[in-house]
C-alpha atoms as a PDB file:
ATOM      1  CA  ARG A   1     -15.379   5.671 -23.286  1.00  0.00           C
ATOM      2  CA  LEU A   2     -14.450   7.994 -20.438  1.00  0.00           C
ATOM      3  CA  GLN A   3     -17.020  10.498 -19.268  1.00  0.00           C
ATOM      4  CA  GLU A   4     -16.401  14.065 -18.157  1.00  0.00           C
ATOM      5  CA  ARG A   5     -18.585  15.998 -15.741  1.00  0.00           C
ATOM      6  CA  GLY A   6     -19.799  19.469 -16.552  1.00  0.00           C
ATOM      7  CA  GLU A   7     -19.134  21.548 -19.635  1.00  0.00           C
ATOM      8  CA  MET A   8     -15.570  22.109 -20.728  1.00  0.00           C
ATOM      9  CA  LYS A   9     -14.203  25.636 -20.561  1.00  0.00           C
ATOM     10  CA  PRO A  10     -12.551  25.918 -23.991  1.00  0.00           C
ATOM     11  CA  GLU A  11     -10.048  28.551 -22.877  1.00  0.00           C
ATOM     12  CA  THR A  12      -8.545  26.275 -20.196  1.00  0.00           C
ATOM     13  CA  GLY A  13      -9.608  22.758 -21.127  1.00  0.00           C
ATOM     14  CA  THR A  14     -11.034  22.277 -17.640  1.00  0.00           C
ATOM     15  CA  TYR A  15     -14.241  20.792 -16.335  1.00  0.00           C
ATOM     16  CA  PRO A  16     -15.776  22.332 -13.191  1.00  0.00           C
ATOM     17  CA  ILE A  17     -16.888  19.864 -10.510  1.00  0.00           C
ATOM     18  CA  GLY A  18     -19.004  21.505  -7.808  1.00  0.00           C
ATOM     19  CA  MET A  19     -20.297  25.013  -7.344  1.00  0.00           C
ATOM     20  CA  ALA A  20     -18.525  26.531  -4.306  1.00  0.00           C
ATOM     21  CA  ASP A  21     -15.460  28.785  -4.205  1.00  0.00           C
ATOM     22  CA  THR A  22     -13.431  25.650  -3.538  1.00  0.00           C
ATOM     23  CA  ALA A  23     -14.952  23.776  -6.472  1.00  0.00           C
ATOM     24  CA  VAL A  24     -12.724  21.077  -7.879  1.00  0.00           C
ATOM     25  CA  GLN A  25     -11.936  21.273 -11.575  1.00  0.00           C
ATOM     26  CA  HIS A  26     -10.601  18.552 -13.854  1.00  0.00           C
ATOM     27  CA  ASP A  27      -7.894  19.567 -16.313  1.00  0.00           C
ATOM     28  CA  VAL A  28      -7.701  16.682 -18.761  1.00  0.00           C
ATOM     29  CA  ARG A  29      -4.654  18.056 -20.584  1.00  0.00           C
ATOM     30  CA  SER A  30      -2.594  18.472 -17.404  1.00  0.00           C
ATOM     31  CA  ARG A  31      -4.047  15.291 -15.875  1.00  0.00           C
ATOM     32  CA  GLU A  32      -4.999  17.065 -12.649  1.00  0.00           C
ATOM     33  CA  PHE A  33      -7.968  17.553 -10.394  1.00  0.00           C
ATOM     34  CA  PHE A  34      -7.471  20.946  -8.765  1.00  0.00           C
ATOM     35  CA  VAL A  35      -8.852  23.874  -6.808  1.00  0.00           C
ATOM     36  CA  ALA A  36      -7.995  27.242  -8.362  1.00  0.00           C
ATOM     37  CA  ALA A  37      -6.866  30.251  -6.334  1.00  0.00           C
ATOM     38  CA  ASP A  38      -9.975  32.057  -7.616  1.00  0.00           C
ATOM     39  CA  SER A  39     -12.378  31.774 -10.529  1.00  0.00           C
ATOM     40  CA  LYS A  40     -10.285  34.088 -12.739  1.00  0.00           C
ATOM     41  CA  SER A  41      -6.893  32.570 -11.926  1.00  0.00           C
ATOM     42  CA  GLU A  42      -4.910  29.782 -13.492  1.00  0.00           C
ATOM     43  CA  GLY A  43      -3.080  29.254 -10.172  1.00  0.00           C
ATOM     44  CA  ARG A  44      -3.807  26.066  -8.293  1.00  0.00           C
ATOM     45  CA  ILE A  45      -3.932  26.008  -4.487  1.00  0.00           C
ATOM     46  CA  ALA A  46      -4.486  22.244  -4.312  1.00  0.00           C
ATOM     47  CA  TYR A  47      -4.218  19.436  -6.830  1.00  0.00           C
ATOM     48  CA  VAL A  48      -3.766  15.737  -7.417  1.00  0.00           C
ATOM     49  CA  GLN A  49      -1.872  14.651 -10.527  1.00  0.00           C
ATOM     50  CA  TYR A  50      -2.564  11.338 -12.213  1.00  0.00           C
ATOM     51  CA  THR A  51      -1.691   8.995 -15.048  1.00  0.00           C
ATOM     52  CA  LEU A  52      -4.537   7.282 -16.834  1.00  0.00           C
ATOM     53  CA  SER A  53      -4.235   3.860 -18.466  1.00  0.00           C
ATOM     54  CA  LYS A  54      -7.356   3.053 -20.453  1.00  0.00           C
ATOM     55  CA  ALA A  55      -5.847  -0.275 -21.521  1.00  0.00           C
ATOM     56  CA  LYS A  56      -5.328  -1.373 -17.900  1.00  0.00           C
ATOM     57  CA  GLY A  57      -8.449   0.377 -16.626  1.00  0.00           C
ATOM     58  CA  THR A  58      -6.498   2.300 -13.993  1.00  0.00           C
ATOM     59  CA  ILE A  59      -5.875   5.803 -12.763  1.00  0.00           C
ATOM     60  CA  ASP A  60      -2.620   6.252 -10.848  1.00  0.00           C
ATOM     61  CA  LEU A  61      -2.896   9.067  -8.284  1.00  0.00           C
ATOM     62  CA  GLU A  62       0.740  10.091  -8.249  1.00  0.00           C
ATOM     63  CA  HIS A  63       1.085  13.368  -6.360  1.00  0.00           C
ATOM     64  CA  THR A  64      -1.084  15.555  -4.145  1.00  0.00           C
ATOM     65  CA  TYR A  65      -0.189  19.111  -3.159  1.00  0.00           C
ATOM     66  CA  THR A  66      -1.826  21.890  -1.160  1.00  0.00           C
ATOM     67  CA  ASP A  67      -0.331  25.367  -0.922  1.00  0.00           C
ATOM     68  CA  PRO A  68       1.001  25.847   2.635  1.00  0.00           C
ATOM     69  CA  GLN A  69      -1.284  28.862   3.203  1.00  0.00           C
ATOM     70  CA  HIS A  70      -4.335  26.706   2.463  1.00  0.00           C
ATOM     71  CA  ARG A  71      -3.478  23.518   4.336  1.00  0.00           C
ATOM     72  CA  GLY A  72      -5.867  22.242   6.980  1.00  0.00           C
ATOM     73  CA  LYS A  73      -8.963  23.245   5.000  1.00  0.00           C
ATOM     74  CA  GLY A  74      -9.703  19.824   3.511  1.00  0.00           C
ATOM     75  CA  LEU A  75      -8.672  20.789  -0.020  1.00  0.00           C
ATOM     76  CA  ALA A  76      -6.438  17.738  -0.583  1.00  0.00           C
ATOM     77  CA  GLY A  77      -9.359  15.538   0.400  1.00  0.00           C
ATOM     78  CA  LYS A  78     -11.638  17.361  -2.046  1.00  0.00           C
ATOM     79  CA  VAL A  79      -9.342  16.881  -5.044  1.00  0.00           C
ATOM     80  CA  VAL A  80      -8.662  13.242  -4.176  1.00  0.00           C
ATOM     81  CA  LYS A  81     -12.379  12.570  -3.693  1.00  0.00           C
ATOM     82  CA  ALA A  82     -13.039  14.082  -7.126  1.00  0.00           C
ATOM     83  CA  ALA A  83     -10.430  11.731  -8.607  1.00  0.00           C
ATOM     84  CA  PHE A  84     -12.093   8.742  -6.905  1.00  0.00           C
ATOM     85  CA  GLU A  85     -15.511   9.853  -8.171  1.00  0.00           C
ATOM     86  CA  TYR A  86     -14.069  10.096 -11.677  1.00  0.00           C
ATOM     87  CA  ALA A  87     -12.564   6.605 -11.335  1.00  0.00           C
ATOM     88  CA  LYS A  88     -15.890   5.193 -10.145  1.00  0.00           C
ATOM     89  CA  ALA A  89     -17.878   6.886 -12.927  1.00  0.00           C
ATOM     90  CA  ASN A  90     -15.491   5.515 -15.541  1.00  0.00           C
ATOM     91  CA  GLY A  91     -14.996   1.995 -14.175  1.00  0.00           C
ATOM     92  CA  LEU A  92     -11.347   2.602 -13.280  1.00  0.00           C
ATOM     93  CA  LYS A  93      -9.337   1.150 -10.407  1.00  0.00           C
ATOM     94  CA  VAL A  94      -7.108   3.510  -8.430  1.00  0.00           C
ATOM     95  CA  ILE A  95      -3.389   2.984  -7.967  1.00  0.00           C
ATOM     96  CA  PRO A  96      -2.513   4.941  -4.788  1.00  0.00           C
ATOM     97  CA  THR A  97       1.082   5.976  -5.528  1.00  0.00           C
ATOM     98  CA  CYS A  98       0.810   9.233  -3.560  1.00  0.00           C
ATOM     99  CA  SER A  99       1.251   8.691   0.185  1.00  0.00           C
ATOM    100  CA  TYR A 100      -1.681  11.028   0.945  1.00  0.00           C
ATOM    101  CA  ILE A 101      -4.094   8.483  -0.532  1.00  0.00           C
ATOM    102  CA  ALA A 102      -3.580   6.218   2.516  1.00  0.00           C
ATOM    103  CA  THR A 103      -4.545   9.145   4.777  1.00  0.00           C
ATOM    104  CA  PHE A 104      -7.611   9.833   2.632  1.00  0.00           C
ATOM    105  CA  LEU A 105      -8.703   6.179   2.759  1.00  0.00           C
ATOM    106  CA  LYS A 106      -8.425   6.111   6.561  1.00  0.00           C
ATOM    107  CA  LYS A 107     -10.876   9.031   6.677  1.00  0.00           C
ATOM    108  CA  LYS A 108     -13.059   7.744   3.833  1.00  0.00           C
ATOM    109  CA  PRO A 109     -12.889   3.916   3.925  1.00  0.00           C
ATOM    110  CA  GLU A 110     -15.902   3.664   1.622  1.00  0.00           C
ATOM    111  CA  TRP A 111     -13.527   4.353  -1.285  1.00  0.00           C
ATOM    112  CA  LYS A 112     -11.211   1.377  -0.572  1.00  0.00           C
ATOM    113  CA  GLY A 113     -13.195  -0.814  -2.961  1.00  0.00           C
ATOM    114  CA  HIS A 114     -11.986   1.319  -5.851  1.00  0.00           C
ATOM    115  CA  VAL A 115      -8.293   0.756  -5.114  1.00  0.00           C
ATOM    116  CA  ILE A 116      -6.377  -2.114  -6.679  1.00  0.00           C
ATOM    117  CA  SER A 117      -6.348  -4.484  -3.712  1.00  0.00           C
ATOM    118  CA  SER A 118      -2.659  -5.392  -4.041  1.00  0.00           C
ATOM    119  CA  GLN A 119      -1.877  -1.673  -3.570  1.00  0.00           C
ATOM    120  CA  LEU A 120      -3.537  -1.328  -0.137  1.00  0.00           C
END
């Protein structure tokens, strides 16, 4: 059974991860880890989208995006790290489809053990 972190916000179906203004949230319905523009907004300034396969025990990180005005602030790394933490907590292996994942793993090699080795 997959675990979620934090309490779900019923109005959005999201789970907050972290406590800062740039806290990452997990939207299970949209299959995204994201940073919102602000706490009252539905807009996302950074996100990673994924596909989950419980049967295969994998999470495919397919696409990462950061709004051009917010690039260079480490937001892509935050959302990808949250996805890796989720994978670890739920015993999932990561499929790094998005090209940014290679950049992330160069900066954070401690996460390489969670990637399907044939995908490195």
